[in-house]
C-alpha atoms as a PDB file:
ATOM      1  CA  MET A   1      38.576 -70.605  82.912  1.00  0.00           C
ATOM      2  CA  THR A   2      37.629 -74.533  83.610  1.00  0.00           C
ATOM      3  CA  GLN A   3      35.126 -76.312  81.578  1.00  0.00           C
ATOM      4  CA  LEU A   4      32.588 -78.049  83.660  1.00  0.00           C
ATOM      5  CA  PRO A   5      33.280 -82.094  83.338  1.00  0.00           C
ATOM      6  CA  ASP A   6      30.792 -83.691  81.447  1.00  0.00           C
ATOM      7  CA  ARG A   7      31.038 -86.860  83.497  1.00  0.00           C
ATOM      8  CA  ILE A   8      29.558 -85.145  86.660  1.00  0.00           C
ATOM      9  CA  ALA A   9      26.351 -83.954  84.938  1.00  0.00           C
ATOM     10  CA  ARG A  10      25.535 -86.258  81.966  1.00  0.00           C
ATOM     11  CA  PRO A  11      22.212 -88.231  82.054  1.00  0.00           C
ATOM     12  CA  ASN A  12      22.030 -91.215  83.869  1.00  0.00           C
ATOM     13  CA  ARG A  13      21.136 -93.777  81.756  1.00  0.00           C
ATOM     14  CA  ARG A  14      22.670 -96.629  83.350  1.00  0.00           C
ATOM     15  CA  MET A  15      22.995 -97.498  86.734  1.00  0.00           C
ATOM     16  CA  GLY A  16      25.131 -94.999  88.551  1.00  0.00           C
ATOM     17  CA  PRO A  17      28.592 -95.752  90.672  1.00  0.00           C
ATOM     18  CA  VAL A  18      26.742 -94.750  93.667  1.00  0.00           C
ATOM     19  CA  SER A  19      24.114 -97.741  92.754  1.00  0.00           C
ATOM     20  CA  LEU A  20      26.552-100.169  91.604  1.00  0.00           C
ATOM     21  CA  LEU A  21      29.162-100.030  94.906  1.00  0.00           C
ATOM     22  CA  ILE A  22      25.773-100.544  96.956  1.00  0.00           C
ATOM     23  CA  GLY A  23      24.816-103.419  94.876  1.00  0.00           C
ATOM     24  CA  MET A  24      28.378-104.874  95.343  1.00  0.00           C
ATOM     25  CA  ALA A  25      28.667-104.667  99.138  1.00  0.00           C
ATOM     26  CA  ALA A  26      25.412-105.966  99.331  1.00  0.00           C
ATOM     27  CA  ALA A  27      26.103-109.052  97.229  1.00  0.00           C
ATOM     28  CA  LEU A  28      29.298-109.711  99.377  1.00  0.00           C
ATOM     29  CA  THR A  29      27.425-109.557 102.308  1.00  0.00           C
ATOM     30  CA  ALA A  30      25.133-112.037 101.691  1.00  0.00           C
ATOM     31  CA  CYS A  31      28.034-114.495  99.511  1.00  0.00           C
ATOM     32  CA  ALA A  32      27.640-117.512 101.676  1.00  0.00           C
ATOM     33  CA  GLY A  33      26.212-116.342 104.655  1.00  0.00           C
ATOM     34  CA  THR A  34      29.724-114.980 105.847  1.00  0.00           C
ATOM     35  CA  ARG A  35      30.295-111.665 107.916  1.00  0.00           C
ATOM     36  CA  PRO A  36      31.827-109.116 106.100  1.00  0.00           C
ATOM     37  CA  THR A  37      35.060-108.257 106.260  1.00  0.00           C
ATOM     38  CA  GLU A  38      36.521-104.752 106.874  1.00  0.00           C
ATOM     39  CA  ALA A  39      36.782-104.031 103.551  1.00  0.00           C
ATOM     40  CA  GLU A  40      33.659-104.974 102.403  1.00  0.00           C
ATOM     41  CA  ARG A  41      32.136-103.214 105.564  1.00  0.00           C
ATOM     42  CA  ALA A  42      34.445 -99.810 104.759  1.00  0.00           C
ATOM     43  CA  ALA A  43      32.776 -99.891 100.994  1.00  0.00           C
ATOM     44  CA  ALA A  44      29.192 -99.951 101.844  1.00  0.00           C
ATOM     45  CA  ALA A  45      29.913 -97.269 104.297  1.00  0.00           C
ATOM     46  CA  GLU A  46      31.666 -95.055 101.360  1.00  0.00           C
ATOM     47  CA  ALA A  47      28.707 -96.273  99.036  1.00  0.00           C
ATOM     48  CA  LYS A  48      26.070 -94.783 101.651  1.00  0.00           C
ATOM     49  CA  VAL A  49      27.796 -91.636 102.159  1.00  0.00           C
ATOM     50  CA  GLN A  50      28.017 -90.870  98.766  1.00  0.00           C
ATOM     51  CA  ALA A  51      24.381 -91.638  98.117  1.00  0.00           C
ATOM     52  CA  GLN A  52      23.395 -89.411 100.738  1.00  0.00           C
ATOM     53  CA  ALA A  53      25.803 -86.734  99.541  1.00  0.00           C
ATOM     54  CA  ARG A  54      24.237 -87.378  96.167  1.00  0.00           C
ATOM     55  CA  ALA A  55      20.630 -86.667  97.453  1.00  0.00           C
ATOM     56  CA  GLY A  56      21.478 -83.593  98.840  1.00  0.00           C
ATOM     57  CA  VAL A  57      21.325 -84.911 102.874  1.00  0.00           C
ATOM     58  CA  VAL A  58      22.709 -82.235 105.405  1.00  0.00           C
ATOM     59  CA  ASP A  59      25.891 -84.062 106.831  1.00  0.00           C
ATOM     60  CA  PRO A  60      28.647 -81.543 108.241  1.00  0.00           C
ATOM     61  CA  TYR A  61      31.311 -83.651 107.165  1.00  0.00           C
ATOM     62  CA  ARG A  62      30.222 -84.226 103.475  1.00  0.00           C
ATOM     63  CA  GLN A  63      29.407 -82.076 100.544  1.00  0.00           C
ATOM     64  CA  ILE A  64      25.520 -80.881 100.319  1.00  0.00           C
ATOM     65  CA  LEU A  65      24.337 -81.273  96.330  1.00  0.00           C
ATOM     66  CA  VAL A  66      22.038 -78.482  96.340  1.00  0.00           C
ATOM     67  CA  LEU A  67      20.603 -78.571  92.392  1.00  0.00           C
ATOM     68  CA  GLY A  68      21.979 -81.251  90.083  1.00  0.00           C
ATOM     69  CA  PRO A  69      19.566 -81.058  89.057  1.00  0.00           C
ATOM     70  CA  SER A  70      18.564 -84.308  87.887  1.00  0.00           C
ATOM     71  CA  PRO A  71      16.802 -84.979  84.044  1.00  0.00           C
ATOM     72  CA  GLN A  72      13.544 -86.273  86.138  1.00  0.00           C
ATOM     73  CA  PHE A  73      13.493 -82.534  87.736  1.00  0.00           C
ATOM     74  CA  ASN A  74      10.559 -80.743  87.063  1.00  0.00           C
ATOM     75  CA  PRO A  75      10.183 -76.829  88.405  1.00  0.00           C
ATOM     76  CA  ALA A  76       6.729 -76.926  87.587  1.00  0.00           C
ATOM     77  CA  ASN A  77       6.058 -80.207  90.384  1.00  0.00           C
ATOM     78  CA  LEU A  78       8.791 -79.088  92.747  1.00  0.00           C
ATOM     79  CA  PRO A  79       9.429 -81.333  95.578  1.00  0.00           C
ATOM     80  CA  GLY A  80       8.892 -79.713  99.124  1.00  0.00           C
ATOM     81  CA  ASN A  81      11.031 -77.092 100.709  1.00  0.00           C
ATOM     82  CA  TRP A  82      11.489 -76.078  96.920  1.00  0.00           C
ATOM     83  CA  TYR A  83       9.953 -72.554  95.965  1.00  0.00           C
ATOM     84  CA  VAL A  84       9.714 -69.806  93.173  1.00  0.00           C
ATOM     85  CA  ALA A  85       9.434 -66.265  93.432  1.00  0.00           C
ATOM     86  CA  SER A  86       9.106 -63.414  90.819  1.00  0.00           C
ATOM     87  CA  ARG A  87       9.363 -59.676  90.706  1.00  0.00           C
ATOM     88  CA  GLY A  88       6.915 -59.036  88.017  1.00  0.00           C
ATOM     89  CA  ASN A  89       3.513 -60.974  86.846  1.00  0.00           C
ATOM     90  CA  ASN A  90       4.797 -63.225  84.176  1.00  0.00           C
ATOM     91  CA  THR A  91       4.884 -67.114  85.174  1.00  0.00           C
ATOM     92  CA  PRO A  92       8.659 -67.710  86.307  1.00  0.00           C
ATOM     93  CA  HIS A  93      10.206 -70.595  83.192  1.00  0.00           C
ATOM     94  CA  PHE A  94      12.739 -72.722  84.424  1.00  0.00           C
ATOM     95  CA  GLN A  95      13.093 -75.993  82.691  1.00  0.00           C
ATOM     96  CA  ALA A  96      15.797 -79.041  83.274  1.00  0.00           C
ATOM     97  CA  THR A  97      17.717 -80.125  80.051  1.00  0.00           C
ATOM     98  CA  GLU A  98      20.700 -81.422  78.488  1.00  0.00           C
ATOM     99  CA  LYS A  99      23.605 -78.415  77.717  1.00  0.00           C
ATOM    100  CA  ASP A 100      27.055 -79.344  75.950  1.00  0.00           C
ATOM    101  CA  GLY A 101      26.457 -82.610  77.456  1.00  0.00           C
ATOM    102  CA  VAL A 102      25.626 -81.539  80.909  1.00  0.00           C
ATOM    103  CA  VAL A 103      22.506 -82.063  82.240  1.00  0.00           C
ATOM    104  CA  ALA A 104      21.507 -78.222  83.600  1.00  0.00           C
ATOM    105  CA  LEU A 105      18.701 -75.960  84.551  1.00  0.00           C
ATOM    106  CA  ARG A 106      17.952 -73.526  81.870  1.00  0.00           C
ATOM    107  CA  LEU A 107      16.766 -69.770  83.030  1.00  0.00           C
ATOM    108  CA  ASP A 108      15.576 -67.543  80.435  1.00  0.00           C
ATOM    109  CA  ALA A 109      16.122 -63.883  81.554  1.00  0.00           C
ATOM    110  CA  GLY A 110      13.715 -60.616  80.434  1.00  0.00           C
ATOM    111  CA  ALA A 111      12.256 -57.915  82.522  1.00  0.00           C
ATOM    112  CA  ASP A 112      11.233 -59.746  85.264  1.00  0.00           C
ATOM    113  CA  GLY A 113      13.737 -61.071  87.850  1.00  0.00           C
ATOM    114  CA  SER A 114      12.784 -64.851  88.923  1.00  0.00           C
ATOM    115  CA  ILE A 115      14.710 -67.113  91.678  1.00  0.00           C
ATOM    116  CA  LEU A 116      13.883 -71.128  92.259  1.00  0.00           C
ATOM    117  CA  GLY A 117      15.652 -72.439  95.260  1.00  0.00           C
ATOM    118  CA  ARG A 118      16.075 -75.165  98.014  1.00  0.00           C
ATOM    119  CA  LYS A 119      14.930 -74.718 101.720  1.00  0.00           C
ATOM    120  CA  PHE A 120      16.892 -76.062 104.202  1.00  0.00           C
ATOM    121  CA  ARG A 121      19.073 -75.071 107.329  1.00  0.00           C
ATOM    122  CA  VAL A 122      22.754 -75.713 107.725  1.00  0.00           C
ATOM    123  CA  PRO A 123      25.411 -73.334 110.029  1.00  0.00           C
ATOM    124  CA  LEU A 124      27.201 -71.220 108.102  1.00  0.00           C
ATOM    125  CA  LEU A 125      30.575 -72.457 109.234  1.00  0.00           C
ATOM    126  CA  ASN A 126      29.733 -75.324 108.644  1.00  0.00           C
ATOM    127  CA  MET A 127      29.604 -75.392 105.144  1.00  0.00           C
ATOM    128  CA  PRO A 128      30.835 -71.858 103.881  1.00  0.00           C
ATOM    129  CA  TYR A 129      32.505 -72.989 100.433  1.00  0.00           C
ATOM    130  CA  LEU A 130      29.845 -72.605  97.805  1.00  0.00           C
ATOM    131  CA  ARG A 131      30.601 -74.367  93.946  1.00  0.00           C
ATOM    132  CA  TRP A 132      28.545 -73.631  90.694  1.00  0.00           C
ATOM    133  CA  GLY A 133      29.063 -74.180  87.244  1.00  0.00           C
ATOM    134  CA  TRP A 134      27.131 -71.604  84.538  1.00  0.00           C
ATOM    135  CA  TYR A 135      26.688 -71.382  80.997  1.00  0.00           C
ATOM    136  CA  LEU A 136      25.742 -68.347  79.154  1.00  0.00           C
ATOM    137  CA  ASP A 137      24.816 -68.302  75.171  1.00  0.00           C
ATOM    138  CA  SER A 138      25.943 -65.520  73.694  1.00  0.00           C
ATOM    139  CA  ALA A 139      24.044 -62.234  73.870  1.00  0.00           C
ATOM    140  CA  PRO A 140      24.054 -59.090  72.167  1.00  0.00           C
ATOM    141  CA  ALA A 141      25.922 -56.048  74.409  1.00  0.00           C
ATOM    142  CA  ALA A 142      23.553 -54.222  76.613  1.00  0.00           C
ATOM    143  CA  ARG A 143      23.219 -50.657  76.318  1.00  0.00           C
ATOM    144  CA  PRO A 144      21.090 -49.057  79.110  1.00  0.00           C
ATOM    145  CA  THR A 145      18.927 -46.599  77.927  1.00  0.00           C
ATOM    146  CA  LYS A 146      18.453 -43.225  79.168  1.00  0.00           C
ATOM    147  CA  ALA A 147      15.447 -44.335  81.148  1.00  0.00           C
ATOM    148  CA  GLU A 148      17.492 -47.450  82.771  1.00  0.00           C
ATOM    149  CA  ALA A 149      20.152 -44.861  84.002  1.00  0.00           C
ATOM    150  CA  GLY A 150      20.836 -45.096  87.731  1.00  0.00           C
ATOM    151  CA  ALA A 151      18.088 -48.361  87.800  1.00  0.00           C
ATOM    152  CA  GLU A 152      19.082 -51.508  88.886  1.00  0.00           C
ATOM    153  CA  SER A 153      21.979 -53.342  86.748  1.00  0.00           C
ATOM    154  CA  SER A 154      20.503 -56.519  84.506  1.00  0.00           C
ATOM    155  CA  VAL A 155      21.613 -59.393  85.659  1.00  0.00           C
ATOM    156  CA  PHE A 156      21.883 -62.580  83.238  1.00  0.00           C
ATOM    157  CA  ILE A 157      21.934 -65.125  85.979  1.00  0.00           C
ATOM    158  CA  ARG A 158      22.383 -64.638  89.714  1.00  0.00           C
ATOM    159  CA  VAL A 159      22.911 -67.370  92.231  1.00  0.00           C
ATOM    160  CA  VAL A 160      21.373 -66.392  95.803  1.00  0.00           C
ATOM    161  CA  VAL A 161      22.357 -67.700  98.821  1.00  0.00           C
ATOM    162  CA  GLY A 162      19.776 -66.473 102.144  1.00  0.00           C
ATOM    163  CA  PHE A 163      20.717 -66.512 105.642  1.00  0.00           C
ATOM    164  CA  ARG A 164      19.287 -66.102 109.087  1.00  0.00           C
ATOM    165  CA  ASP A 165      20.206 -65.513 112.467  1.00  0.00           C
ATOM    166  CA  PRO A 166      18.214 -68.400 114.904  1.00  0.00           C
ATOM    167  CA  SER A 167      18.712 -66.527 117.882  1.00  0.00           C
ATOM    168  CA  LYS A 168      16.755 -63.748 116.280  1.00  0.00           C
ATOM    169  CA  ASP A 169      12.770 -63.682 116.180  1.00  0.00           C
ATOM    170  CA  GLU A 170      12.297 -67.286 116.874  1.00  0.00           C
ATOM    171  CA  ALA A 171       8.766 -66.892 117.289  1.00  0.00           C
ATOM    172  CA  ALA A 172       8.302 -65.662 113.809  1.00  0.00           C
ATOM    173  CA  GLU A 173       9.811 -68.470 112.161  1.00  0.00           C
ATOM    174  CA  THR A 174       8.257 -71.261 114.149  1.00  0.00           C
ATOM    175  CA  GLU A 175       4.732 -69.398 113.185  1.00  0.00           C
ATOM    176  CA  ALA A 176       5.828 -69.568 109.839  1.00  0.00           C
ATOM    177  CA  GLU A 177       6.911 -73.081 109.829  1.00  0.00           C
ATOM    178  CA  GLU A 178       3.560 -73.551 111.483  1.00  0.00           C
ATOM    179  CA  THR A 179       1.656 -72.729 108.274  1.00  0.00           C
ATOM    180  CA  GLY A 180       2.487 -76.195 106.625  1.00  0.00           C
ATOM    181  CA  ASP A 181       3.434 -74.612 103.052  1.00  0.00           C
ATOM    182  CA  SER A 182       6.225 -76.031 101.884  1.00  0.00           C
ATOM    183  CA  HIS A 183       6.833 -74.190  98.965  1.00  0.00           C
ATOM    184  CA  ALA A 184       6.610 -70.993 100.770  1.00  0.00           C
ATOM    185  CA  PRO A 185       9.537 -68.551 100.639  1.00  0.00           C
ATOM    186  CA  PRO A 186      12.177 -68.752 103.653  1.00  0.00           C
ATOM    187  CA  LYS A 187      11.848 -65.974 105.937  1.00  0.00           C
ATOM    188  CA  ILE A 188      15.746 -64.524 105.956  1.00  0.00           C
ATOM    189  CA  ASP A 189      17.582 -61.579 107.539  1.00  0.00           C
ATOM    190  CA  ARG A 190      19.823 -60.787 104.887  1.00  0.00           C
ATOM    191  CA  ALA A 191      21.167 -62.272 101.577  1.00  0.00           C
ATOM    192  CA  LEU A 192      24.091 -62.643  98.742  1.00  0.00           C
ATOM    193  CA  SER A 193      23.836 -62.180  95.288  1.00  0.00           C
ATOM    194  CA  LEU A 194      26.273 -63.756  93.035  1.00  0.00           C
ATOM    195  CA  GLU A 195      25.348 -61.904  89.460  1.00  0.00           C
ATOM    196  CA  TRP A 196      26.631 -62.314  85.857  1.00  0.00           C
ATOM    197  CA  ARG A 197      25.995 -59.065  85.046  1.00  0.00           C
ATOM    198  CA  ALA A 198      24.906 -57.618  81.666  1.00  0.00           C
ATOM    199  CA  ALA A 199      27.009 -54.809  81.261  1.00  0.00           C
ATOM    200  CA  GLN A 200      30.630 -55.649  80.482  1.00  0.00           C
ATOM    201  CA  SER A 201      31.611 -51.931  81.945  1.00  0.00           C
ATOM    202  CA  ALA A 202      29.512 -53.043  84.925  1.00  0.00           C
ATOM    203  CA  PRO A 203      31.575 -51.516  88.010  1.00  0.00           C
ATOM    204  CA  PRO A 204      32.915 -54.279  90.256  1.00  0.00           C
ATOM    205  CA  ALA A 205      29.862 -54.514  93.221  1.00  0.00           C
ATOM    206  CA  THR A 206      31.115 -55.694  96.539  1.00  0.00           C
ATOM    207  CA  ALA A 207      29.463 -57.660  99.423  1.00  0.00           C
ATOM    208  CA  SER A 208      28.731 -54.792 100.952  1.00  0.00           C
ATOM    209  CA  ASP A 209      25.648 -54.175  99.181  1.00  0.00           C
ATOM    210  CA  GLY A 210      24.798 -58.002  99.423  1.00  0.00           C
ATOM    211  CA  SER A 211      25.791 -58.373  95.759  1.00  0.00           C
ATOM    212  CA  VAL A 212      28.966 -59.507  94.240  1.00  0.00           C
ATOM    213  CA  VAL A 213      30.079 -59.372  90.047  1.00  0.00           C
ATOM    214  CA  MET A 214      30.894 -62.635  89.501  1.00  0.00           C
ATOM    215  CA  ARG A 215      31.021 -61.600  85.703  1.00  0.00           C
ATOM    216  CA  ALA A 216      29.819 -59.067  82.872  1.00  0.00           C
ATOM    217  CA  GLY A 217      29.209 -58.844  79.703  1.00  0.00           C
ATOM    218  CA  SER A 218      29.010 -61.405  77.363  1.00  0.00           C
ATOM    219  CA  SER A 219      32.698 -62.367  76.563  1.00  0.00           C
ATOM    220  CA  ASP A 220      32.687 -65.607  78.499  1.00  0.00           C
ATOM    221  CA  ALA A 221      29.491 -66.922  76.886  1.00  0.00           C
ATOM    222  CA  GLY A 222      29.354 -70.392  75.060  1.00  0.00           C
ATOM    223  CA  LYS A 223      31.175 -72.609  77.590  1.00  0.00           C
ATOM    224  CA  TRP A 224      30.882 -73.974  80.627  1.00  0.00           C
ATOM    225  CA  ILE A 225      32.321 -72.195  83.299  1.00  0.00           C
ATOM    226  CA  ILE A 226      32.983 -73.469  87.029  1.00  0.00           C
ATOM    227  CA  GLU A 227      33.201 -70.791  90.081  1.00  0.00           C
ATOM    228  CA  SER A 228      33.856 -71.482  93.972  1.00  0.00           C
ATOM    229  CA  VAL A 229      33.002 -68.706  96.671  1.00  0.00           C
ATOM    230  CA  ASP A 230      34.059 -68.283 100.575  1.00  0.00           C
ATOM    231  CA  LEU A 231      30.434 -67.426 101.810  1.00  0.00           C
ATOM    232  CA  SER A 232      31.590 -66.412 105.222  1.00  0.00           C
ATOM    233  CA  ARG A 233      34.395 -64.523 103.619  1.00  0.00           C
ATOM    234  CA  LEU A 234      31.502 -62.335 101.892  1.00  0.00           C
ATOM    235  CA  TYR A 235      29.274 -62.594 104.545  1.00  0.00           C
ATOM    236  CA  ALA A 236      31.707 -61.168 106.952  1.00  0.00           C
ATOM    237  CA  SER A 237      32.516 -58.555 104.034  1.00  0.00           C
ATOM    238  CA  ALA A 238      29.054 -57.282 103.705  1.00  0.00           C
ATOM    239  CA  TRP A 239      28.110 -57.566 107.550  1.00  0.00           C
ATOM    240  CA  PRO A 240      30.873 -56.353 109.629  1.00  0.00           C
ATOM    241  CA  GLN A 241      28.610 -55.964 112.709  1.00  0.00           C
ATOM    242  CA  GLU A 242      27.392 -59.488 112.412  1.00  0.00           C
ATOM    243  CA  THR A 243      28.904 -62.501 114.097  1.00  0.00           C
ATOM    244  CA  SER A 244      28.662 -65.255 110.754  1.00  0.00           C
ATOM    245  CA  GLY A 245      29.420 -67.709 113.163  1.00  0.00           C
ATOM    246  CA  LYS A 246      25.465 -67.197 114.299  1.00  0.00           C
ATOM    247  CA  ALA A 247      24.117 -67.405 110.762  1.00  0.00           C
ATOM    248  CA  GLU A 248      22.877 -70.216 109.251  1.00  0.00           C
ATOM    249  CA  ILE A 249      22.017 -70.867 105.471  1.00  0.00           C
ATOM    250  CA  VAL A 250      18.380 -71.404 105.179  1.00  0.00           C
ATOM    251  CA  PHE A 251      18.194 -71.129 101.293  1.00  0.00           C
ATOM    252  CA  VAL A 252      20.202 -71.315  97.965  1.00  0.00           C
ATOM    253  CA  ALA A 253      18.842 -69.894  94.951  1.00  0.00           C
ATOM    254  CA  VAL A 254      19.323 -69.717  91.026  1.00  0.00           C
ATOM    255  CA  GLY A 255      17.637 -67.230  89.007  1.00  0.00           C
ATOM    256  CA  THR A 256      17.768 -64.492  86.342  1.00  0.00           C
ATOM    257  CA  GLY A 257      16.880 -60.994  85.769  1.00  0.00           C
ATOM    258  CA  PRO A 258      15.598 -58.233  85.647  1.00  0.00           C
ATOM    259  CA  ALA A 259      17.379 -58.073  82.144  1.00  0.00           C
ATOM    260  CA  SER A 260      16.796 -55.118  79.624  1.00  0.00           C
ATOM    261  CA  ILE A 261      17.948 -57.890  76.772  1.00  0.00           C
ATOM    262  CA  PRO A 262      16.771 -61.637  76.607  1.00  0.00           C
ATOM    263  CA  VAL A 263      19.051 -64.258  77.342  1.00  0.00           C
ATOM    264  CA  THR A 264      19.296 -68.027  78.118  1.00  0.00           C
ATOM    265  CA  GLY A 265      21.891 -68.954  81.058  1.00  0.00           C
ATOM    266  CA  TYR A 266      22.220 -72.326  82.197  1.00  0.00           C
ATOM    267  CA  VAL A 267      23.530 -73.531  85.958  1.00  0.00           C
ATOM    268  CA  ALA A 268      24.473 -77.017  87.065  1.00  0.00           C
ATOM    269  CA  GLU A 269      26.021 -78.708  90.286  1.00  0.00           C
ATOM    270  CA  VAL A 270      25.523 -76.088  92.800  1.00  0.00           C
ATOM    271  CA  VAL A 271      27.449 -77.789  96.032  1.00  0.00           C
ATOM    272  CA  LEU A 272      28.486 -76.410  99.342  1.00  0.00           C
ATOM    273  CA  SER A 273      30.823 -78.129 100.850  1.00  0.00           C
ATOM    274  CA  PRO A 274      32.848 -77.620 104.218  1.00  0.00           C
END
């Protein structure tokens, strides 16, 4: 298992490489009033592209940083186009923190399932690859009670991707967008849930039911693990009757639960790429 590199998510206590590149390019351009060289123009262009990627700008030729998060990310005061959803009555709890030198979003699993997501629109085939890092604190083995037998499996951590076919029900989508609530849950046609389940003996789910077991049990707890999937393949497996070429990704979310035992997990560097 690959550990998440510290350098990609450490707290930004100094000027980052993107800011340095932009500053250097600007300084070179301003020197003596001369015209920038080809190398200087290339450096400035590359700095701009990197800055856009880090800001999460949708670019069909560059990655989208869905969630870093930054140390200043505040789930209690979300930017526009973010939302929180819960299946229970308790207020979902998310927190930007640091874990083993990595800035991450802390997730506390409990009886209520909850997710925190970011809404945007990009064609699935433009950005089919999803990568993220997650970390699970050590947890006791999950032993479902008789009452839980046959119920939904406990989930420590999940990454959820929502899809929509823009050719369907455009009127309803336009009406929803006109409500003006940027924190409202997005309208979707289907979703994939990529899960770290609690039970070590959890059966390997397939994408056919919209859920995929990436990890099971706590044997991999206590370390950062990087996961990577091809969303277009999972989409085709789950819904073979649908055309993935028409699908758009309309949100990516991270969350936890419902879980029969309390546990803490972390997610960082959720990235979409072509």
